[in-house]
Protein backbone atom coordinates (compact mmCIF):
# COMPACT_ATOMS: atom_id res chain seq x y z
CA UNK A 1 69.85 29.50 107.08
CA UNK A 2 69.55 26.22 105.20
CA UNK A 3 71.63 23.29 106.45
CA UNK A 4 74.64 22.13 104.48
CA UNK A 5 74.04 18.74 102.76
CA UNK A 6 76.84 16.06 102.60
CA UNK A 7 77.13 12.57 101.31
CA UNK A 8 79.66 10.43 103.19
CA UNK A 9 80.53 6.84 103.62
CA UNK A 10 79.74 5.23 106.94
CA UNK A 11 83.50 4.31 107.17
CA UNK A 12 84.42 8.00 107.13
CA UNK A 13 81.97 9.34 109.71
CA UNK A 14 83.20 11.39 112.61
CA UNK A 15 82.31 10.43 116.20
CA UNK A 16 79.66 13.17 116.27
CA UNK A 17 77.92 11.66 113.26
CA UNK A 18 78.18 8.15 114.67
CA UNK A 19 76.58 9.39 117.85
CA UNK A 20 73.74 10.98 115.88
CA UNK A 21 73.21 7.66 114.07
CA UNK A 22 72.94 5.79 117.37
CA UNK A 23 70.57 8.30 118.69
CA UNK A 24 68.35 8.30 115.65
CA UNK A 25 68.44 4.52 115.09
CA UNK A 26 68.79 2.93 118.61
CA UNK A 27 67.59 -0.43 117.32
CA UNK A 28 69.60 -0.32 114.12
CA UNK A 29 68.97 1.23 110.73
CA UNK A 30 68.18 -1.93 108.73
CA UNK A 31 64.58 -0.90 108.15
CA UNK A 32 65.53 2.73 107.14
CA UNK A 33 67.96 2.03 104.36
CA UNK A 34 67.11 3.77 101.10
CA UNK A 35 68.22 3.10 97.62
CA UNK A 36 69.74 6.27 95.98
CA UNK A 37 69.75 6.36 92.16
CA UNK A 38 72.63 8.34 90.60
CA UNK A 39 72.23 10.12 87.19
CA UNK A 40 74.36 7.53 85.47
CA UNK A 41 71.92 4.78 86.58
CA UNK A 42 74.34 3.53 89.26
CA UNK A 43 72.99 3.39 92.82
CA UNK A 44 74.02 3.12 96.39
CA UNK A 45 72.29 2.50 99.72
CA UNK A 46 72.11 5.11 102.41
CA UNK A 47 70.58 6.34 105.64
CA UNK A 48 69.89 9.93 106.62
CA UNK A 49 70.88 11.73 109.79
CA UNK A 50 71.15 15.39 110.85
CA UNK A 51 73.46 17.22 113.17
CA UNK A 52 72.91 20.84 114.28
CA UNK A 53 74.34 22.27 111.03
CA UNK A 54 74.58 19.46 108.50
CA UNK A 55 72.14 16.97 106.85
CA UNK A 56 73.97 13.77 106.01
CA UNK A 57 73.23 11.10 103.45
CA UNK A 58 75.39 8.23 104.72
CA UNK A 59 76.38 5.45 102.34
CA UNK A 60 76.05 2.05 103.97
CA UNK A 61 77.05 -1.52 102.80
CA UNK A 62 74.07 -3.75 102.16
CA UNK A 63 74.27 -7.49 101.84
CA UNK A 64 71.52 -8.85 99.61
CA UNK A 65 70.56 -12.46 99.94
CA UNK A 66 69.99 -13.60 96.34
CA UNK A 67 70.38 -17.38 96.56
CA UNK A 68 67.78 -19.32 94.72
CA UNK A 69 65.90 -22.03 96.72
CA UNK A 70 67.95 -24.69 94.93
CA UNK A 71 71.22 -22.98 95.71
CA UNK A 72 70.09 -22.58 99.35
CA UNK A 73 69.24 -26.21 99.72
CA UNK A 74 72.55 -27.22 98.07
CA UNK A 75 74.54 -25.11 100.41
CA UNK A 76 72.64 -25.55 103.74
CA UNK A 77 70.93 -28.90 103.08
CA UNK A 78 67.31 -29.83 103.33
CA UNK A 79 67.39 -31.89 106.54
CA UNK A 80 64.14 -30.80 108.19
CA UNK A 81 64.12 -33.86 110.51
CA UNK A 82 66.94 -32.41 112.61
CA UNK A 83 65.38 -29.00 113.20
CA UNK A 84 64.45 -28.15 116.77
CA UNK A 85 61.42 -26.32 117.98
CA UNK A 86 63.66 -23.21 118.56
CA UNK A 87 64.07 -22.94 114.80
CA UNK A 88 60.49 -21.79 114.17
CA UNK A 89 61.66 -18.50 112.64
CA UNK A 90 63.29 -20.47 109.78
CA UNK A 91 60.00 -21.77 108.41
CA UNK A 92 58.67 -21.21 104.97
CA UNK A 93 58.64 -17.71 103.63
CA UNK A 94 54.82 -17.55 103.63
CA UNK A 95 54.82 -18.48 107.36
CA UNK A 96 57.16 -15.60 108.05
CA UNK A 97 55.01 -13.16 106.14
CA UNK A 98 51.91 -14.20 108.07
CA UNK A 99 53.72 -13.74 111.39
CA UNK A 100 54.78 -10.23 110.47
CA UNK A 101 51.37 -9.25 109.14
CA UNK A 102 49.55 -10.53 112.27
CA UNK A 103 51.95 -8.80 114.68
CA UNK A 104 50.49 -5.91 116.67
CA UNK A 105 53.82 -4.86 118.18
CA UNK A 106 55.00 -2.40 115.48
CA UNK A 107 56.18 0.96 116.85
CA UNK A 108 56.74 3.92 114.58
């Protein structure tokens, strides 16, 4: 027997489904969000999770950072002289990419 397939909003998930999400994504689902294209060219973001008898496509809210560099500097300032050594993760985008690519600690 094939599992029933449902699309639900995260806000409307039952306790059983929320537990299944926590079990499948113990460190969060940020890296597992997919973009689902609808036939009318709208889209939504979702994660997948299964229970014993149902496969769920769960709609999740996604915040996209779309500030330009100029807008970012205007809002947060460009005062690099006051940054501490603990702020190393807030370096240039290229630096962050190199750190990710050189990391050997990825677990699948």
